[in-house]
Amino acid sequence: MAISLPEPQYFTSPDGVRLAWREVGGGRPVVLLHGYMSDSVTNWIRYGHAEAIAAKGFRVIMLDFRAHGASDKPHDPAFYKPDILTDDAHALVAHLELEEYDLGGYSLGARTVSRMLATGARPGRVILSGMGLEGLTDVDRRAGHFRGILENLGKHERGSPAWMVEAFLKTTNGDPVALLEIIRSFAGTPLETLQTFAMPIQVLCGAEDEDNGSAPELAAALPNAVYAEVPGGHMSAVVKPELGAAMAAFLAG
């Protein structure tokens, strides 16, 4: 079945990188941030999650991170300073002049959401999906894993987890050089900072997903969080309609 694909819109980040976003629906804004090596189309649109949320009366705004999707993919390390994705997401909120909005992210997107909260963002409701406690507090936990994959493309054993990631990279037309650079920008959030996030938060994770640590432990560490589980692992939960349904229900609750 063909999907309705909104055209990308563009703005320029403070350091001159052109960034893309797409949106569907209308109503209260919700900003969604995708995972590493993915993009707004793959993470939110292709499997119906954005439409499920829009159907509840939301304007769903989906950023393509730099080095991803329809956004610029510079190779110069100068464009990948620490926390640059957080700066970009703040810049999108400012560009769209959003004041009352909700915020959600999957995997790297969830980590970026946590960094936005740590640096002043005050959304009404928050979704941290595909993320566990260690994935927020210890960014090196997965950085080496992805660096090893990108530095050895074409050498991974067929069917191995690394081979599967490489196959996914091909489906998103990822730029390995830019994606390697962005790893250097990853930033963590200390537990004591996480414990200050007082807004309602949904920690939403696949039942078999421990790629970024324990999602139940993350929910327990937050002062006003609920834990929700959907079928699948880190890669497979994204393709299931239960993910978008759970997000929509929480945001509309």
Protein backbone atom coordinates (compact mmCIF):
# COMPACT_ATOMS: atom_id res chain seq x y z
CA MET A 1 0.00 0.00 0.00
CA ALA A 2 1.40 3.41 -1.02
CA ILE A 3 2.03 5.91 1.73
CA SER A 4 1.22 9.61 1.54
CA LEU A 5 4.59 11.31 1.78
CA PRO A 6 4.66 14.98 2.81
CA GLU A 7 7.28 17.05 1.04
CA PRO A 8 10.26 18.14 3.14
CA GLN A 9 10.48 21.74 4.30
CA TYR A 10 13.80 23.38 5.12
CA PHE A 11 15.44 25.85 7.46
CA THR A 12 19.06 26.75 8.15
CA SER A 13 20.70 25.89 11.46
CA PRO A 14 22.78 28.53 13.27
CA ASP A 15 25.99 27.01 11.85
CA GLY A 16 24.70 27.08 8.28
CA VAL A 17 23.59 23.47 7.76
CA ARG A 18 20.30 23.08 5.88
CA LEU A 19 17.90 20.90 7.86
CA ALA A 20 14.69 19.28 6.67
CA TRP A 21 11.45 18.52 8.44
CA ARG A 22 8.12 17.06 7.37
CA GLU A 23 4.73 17.39 8.97
CA VAL A 24 1.26 15.89 8.85
CA GLY A 25 -2.01 16.72 10.58
CA GLY A 26 -3.12 19.78 12.46
CA GLY A 27 -3.73 20.82 16.05
CA ARG A 28 -1.40 20.75 19.03
CA PRO A 29 2.21 20.40 17.80
CA VAL A 30 4.25 17.33 18.66
CA VAL A 31 7.90 17.25 17.57
CA LEU A 32 9.28 13.77 16.82
CA LEU A 33 12.98 12.87 16.51
CA HIS A 34 14.12 9.72 14.72
CA GLY A 35 16.83 7.16 15.47
CA TYR A 36 20.44 6.90 14.31
CA MET A 37 20.86 6.00 10.61
CA SER A 38 17.10 6.47 10.15
CA ASP A 39 15.03 9.49 9.09
CA SER A 40 11.55 10.95 9.54
CA VAL A 41 10.05 8.88 6.71
CA THR A 42 11.42 5.54 7.93
CA ASN A 43 10.84 6.10 11.63
CA TRP A 44 7.49 7.89 11.69
CA ILE A 45 5.70 7.92 8.33
CA ARG A 46 6.27 4.59 6.56
CA TYR A 47 4.62 2.42 9.20
CA GLY A 48 1.74 4.77 10.05
CA HIS A 49 2.84 6.20 13.40
CA ALA A 50 2.61 9.85 12.33
CA GLU A 51 -0.86 9.31 10.88
CA ALA A 52 -2.01 7.54 14.04
CA ILE A 53 -0.92 10.52 16.12
CA ALA A 54 -2.33 13.06 13.65
CA ALA A 55 -5.68 11.27 13.80
CA LYS A 56 -5.88 12.21 17.48
CA GLY A 57 -5.75 15.92 16.58
CA PHE A 58 -2.01 16.65 16.48
CA ARG A 59 0.28 18.53 14.12
CA VAL A 60 3.11 16.02 13.83
CA ILE A 61 6.46 17.71 13.08
CA MET A 62 9.34 15.38 12.20
CA LEU A 63 12.92 16.61 11.92
CA ASP A 64 15.58 14.92 9.80
CA PHE A 65 18.78 15.18 11.84
CA ARG A 66 21.86 16.52 10.10
CA ALA A 67 23.66 13.66 8.34
CA HIS A 68 20.27 11.96 7.87
CA GLY A 69 17.34 11.94 5.48
CA ALA A 70 16.76 15.08 3.43
CA SER A 71 19.02 17.23 5.63
CA ASP A 72 22.57 18.21 4.71
CA LYS A 73 25.28 15.64 5.35
CA PRO A 74 28.52 17.60 5.72
CA HIS A 75 31.78 15.69 6.10
CA ASP A 76 33.68 18.45 7.89
CA PRO A 77 34.15 17.51 11.59
CA ALA A 78 33.55 21.18 12.48
CA PHE A 79 29.82 20.59 11.94
CA TYR A 80 29.62 17.88 14.61
CA LYS A 81 30.39 19.55 17.91
CA PRO A 82 29.05 17.90 21.08
CA ASP A 83 25.25 18.08 21.44
CA ILE A 84 24.78 19.51 17.93
CA LEU A 85 21.59 17.47 17.40
CA THR A 86 20.13 19.06 20.50
CA ASP A 87 20.99 22.50 19.16
CA ASP A 88 19.34 21.61 15.84
CA ALA A 89 16.14 20.42 17.51
CA HIS A 90 15.98 23.59 19.64
CA ALA A 91 16.51 25.57 16.43
CA LEU A 92 13.54 23.85 14.78
CA VAL A 93 11.29 24.66 17.74
CA ALA A 94 12.46 28.29 17.57
CA HIS A 95 12.07 28.45 13.78
CA LEU A 96 8.46 27.25 14.02
CA GLU A 97 7.85 29.53 17.03
CA LEU A 98 6.42 26.67 19.06
CA GLU A 99 5.47 27.53 22.62
CA GLU A 100 2.97 24.85 23.63
CA TYR A 101 4.04 21.49 22.21
CA ASP A 102 4.84 17.87 23.03
CA LEU A 103 8.08 16.06 22.26
CA GLY A 104 9.06 12.49 21.45
CA GLY A 105 11.96 10.49 20.11
CA TYR A 106 13.11 6.99 19.24
CA SER A 107 16.60 5.71 20.20
CA LEU A 108 19.02 8.55 19.32
CA GLY A 109 15.94 10.72 19.03
CA ALA A 110 14.99 9.85 22.62
CA ARG A 111 18.51 10.68 23.78
CA THR A 112 18.24 14.02 22.02
CA VAL A 113 14.88 14.63 23.70
CA SER A 114 16.55 14.08 27.07
CA ARG A 115 19.29 16.54 26.13
CA MET A 116 16.66 19.10 25.08
CA LEU A 117 14.98 18.77 28.47
CA ALA A 118 18.36 19.12 30.17
CA THR A 119 19.02 22.34 28.22
CA GLY A 120 15.77 24.15 28.77
CA ALA A 121 13.00 22.61 26.63
CA ARG A 122 9.65 22.52 28.43
CA PRO A 123 7.18 20.46 26.42
CA GLY A 124 3.88 19.39 27.92
CA ARG A 125 4.25 15.63 27.40
CA VAL A 126 7.31 13.61 26.47
CA ILE A 127 7.88 10.20 24.88
CA LEU A 128 11.22 8.38 25.27
CA SER A 129 11.02 5.35 22.98
CA GLY A 130 13.54 2.64 22.15
CA MET A 131 15.63 3.84 25.08
CA GLY A 132 16.78 2.55 28.46
CA LEU A 133 18.50 4.19 31.38
CA GLU A 134 22.06 3.30 30.34
CA GLY A 135 21.47 4.66 26.84
CA LEU A 136 20.94 8.12 28.30
CA THR A 137 23.62 8.12 30.96
CA ASP A 138 26.39 6.30 29.03
CA VAL A 139 26.61 7.31 25.37
CA ASP A 140 29.73 5.24 24.77
CA ARG A 141 27.68 2.09 25.34
CA ARG A 142 26.55 2.01 21.70
CA ALA A 143 28.92 4.48 20.02
CA GLY A 144 31.70 1.92 19.62
CA HIS A 145 29.24 -0.61 18.24
CA PHE A 146 28.14 1.70 15.44
CA ARG A 147 31.65 2.96 14.76
CA GLY A 148 32.82 -0.61 14.23
CA ILE A 149 29.98 -1.28 11.79
CA LEU A 150 30.60 1.86 9.73
CA GLU A 151 34.35 1.35 9.59
CA ASN A 152 33.95 -2.22 8.29
CA LEU A 153 31.19 -1.98 5.71
CA GLY A 154 31.11 -4.93 3.34
CA LYS A 155 32.97 -7.17 5.80
CA HIS A 156 30.15 -8.25 8.12
CA GLU A 157 28.97 -11.85 8.20
CA ARG A 158 25.67 -12.27 6.41
CA GLY A 159 22.80 -12.42 8.87
CA SER A 160 24.82 -11.04 11.79
CA PRO A 161 23.53 -8.01 13.77
CA ALA A 162 26.20 -5.82 12.12
CA TRP A 163 25.17 -7.06 8.68
CA MET A 164 21.54 -6.22 9.48
CA VAL A 165 22.50 -2.67 10.45
CA GLU A 166 24.47 -2.31 7.23
CA ALA A 167 21.44 -3.53 5.27
CA PHE A 168 19.28 -0.95 7.04
CA LEU A 169 21.83 1.75 6.18
CA LYS A 170 21.41 0.89 2.50
CA THR A 171 17.62 1.26 2.70
CA THR A 172 17.95 4.80 4.04
CA ASN A 173 20.76 5.79 1.62
CA GLY A 174 22.88 6.70 4.62
CA ASP A 175 26.19 8.54 4.25
CA PRO A 176 28.77 6.52 6.25
CA VAL A 177 31.26 9.41 6.49
CA ALA A 178 28.71 11.85 7.89
CA LEU A 179 27.25 9.20 10.18
CA LEU A 180 30.68 8.44 11.60
CA GLU A 181 31.21 12.12 12.28
CA ILE A 182 27.92 12.46 14.12
CA ILE A 183 28.95 9.84 16.67
CA ARG A 184 31.42 12.37 18.07
CA SER A 185 28.52 14.69 18.89
CA PHE A 186 26.72 12.23 21.20
CA ALA A 187 26.13 13.55 24.72
CA GLY A 188 24.73 11.86 27.80
CA THR A 189 22.47 13.05 30.61
CA PRO A 190 23.42 12.30 34.23
CA LEU A 191 20.93 10.43 36.41
CA GLU A 192 20.55 13.40 38.75
CA THR A 193 19.46 15.53 35.78
CA LEU A 194 16.99 12.91 34.56
CA GLN A 195 15.42 12.95 38.00
CA THR A 196 14.47 16.62 37.52
CA PHE A 197 12.24 15.92 34.48
CA ALA A 198 8.88 16.45 36.13
CA MET A 199 6.51 16.51 33.13
CA PRO A 200 4.47 13.41 32.19
CA ILE A 201 6.76 11.01 30.32
CA GLN A 202 6.01 7.77 28.51
CA VAL A 203 8.91 5.32 28.34
CA LEU A 204 7.91 3.13 25.39
CA CYS A 205 9.97 0.15 24.33
CA GLY A 206 9.86 -3.16 22.50
CA ALA A 207 9.47 -6.14 24.81
CA GLU A 208 12.71 -7.65 23.46
CA ASP A 209 14.65 -4.38 23.20
CA GLU A 210 17.58 -3.95 25.58
CA ASP A 211 19.90 -2.31 23.05
CA ASN A 212 19.99 0.89 25.10
CA GLY A 213 19.71 -0.66 28.52
CA SER A 214 16.65 -1.13 30.70
CA ALA A 215 13.54 0.86 29.79
CA PRO A 216 11.73 -0.11 33.02
CA GLU A 217 14.70 1.22 35.01
CA LEU A 218 14.52 4.45 33.05
CA ALA A 219 10.83 4.81 33.84
CA ALA A 220 11.53 4.13 37.51
CA ALA A 221 14.23 6.82 37.59
CA LEU A 222 11.91 9.53 36.28
CA PRO A 223 9.57 11.29 38.72
CA ASN A 224 6.42 11.23 36.56
CA ALA A 225 6.84 8.42 34.03
CA VAL A 226 4.79 5.46 32.83
CA TYR A 227 6.32 2.42 31.16
CA ALA A 228 4.62 0.97 28.09
CA GLU A 229 5.66 -2.10 26.15
CA VAL A 230 5.05 -3.03 22.53
CA PRO A 231 6.01 -6.20 20.62
CA GLY A 232 9.46 -6.58 19.09
CA GLY A 233 13.09 -5.63 19.49
CA HIS A 234 14.93 -2.41 18.74
CA MET A 235 14.63 -2.65 14.96
CA SER A 236 11.35 -4.55 14.71
CA ALA A 237 9.21 -2.54 17.16
CA VAL A 238 9.35 0.43 14.77
CA VAL A 239 7.49 -1.43 12.01
CA LYS A 240 4.55 -2.46 14.21
CA PRO A 241 1.36 -0.38 14.47
CA GLU A 242 1.30 -0.85 18.24
CA LEU A 243 4.12 1.71 18.56
CA GLY A 244 2.19 4.55 16.95
CA ALA A 245 -1.02 3.54 18.73
CA ALA A 246 0.68 3.67 22.12
CA MET A 247 2.25 7.05 21.36
CA ALA A 248 -1.08 8.48 20.18
CA ALA A 249 -2.95 7.20 23.22
CA PHE A 250 -0.41 8.72 25.61
CA LEU A 251 -0.34 12.11 23.88
CA ALA A 252 -4.13 12.29 23.77
CA GLY A 253 -4.57 11.06 27.35
